[in-house]
Amino acid sequence: AGDPNLLPWSPLCNHVRMLLKQCIKQHKPTLVMGFGFSMLAFLCAMGSTPVKVFNGRGRGSALSDLRQIPESICMSLGENESFLDAASGDLYRRQSGRADWQKFGNVGLHMAMSTADAEA
């Protein structure tokens, strides 16, 4: 089933991502479970769009953290670097020449919270 800590946008997953993209492109029946299903959801949601999540060590964080990012970090972000809202799976990027963040996609995955976390 794969390592549950791997994320579909991780550079470590490039080979698996390319293999699954080829299976989809060639209409090859493929059984995926665990990590493979996460990768499938990601590919269906994002297609070939390159994603590099810079917050939460690549795992994303709360949307409220977006406003707390220092301007110096914002100015040094690369073209494909994105902020991931872990609760919803939404990705945000800054447009060149603009100071605000724009939603540009969803990774197809979100952070599942336990009942205790949701009630707190």
Foldseek 3Di string as FASTA:
>chain_A
DDDLPDALLDPVCVVVLVVVLVCVVVVPDDDDDRRRVLNVLQCVWQPPQRAQEDPPPRQADAPVCVVVDDPVVLVPDDPRYWHAHQAFQWTWHDDPPDDDIDTDTGRSHHDDDDPVVVVD
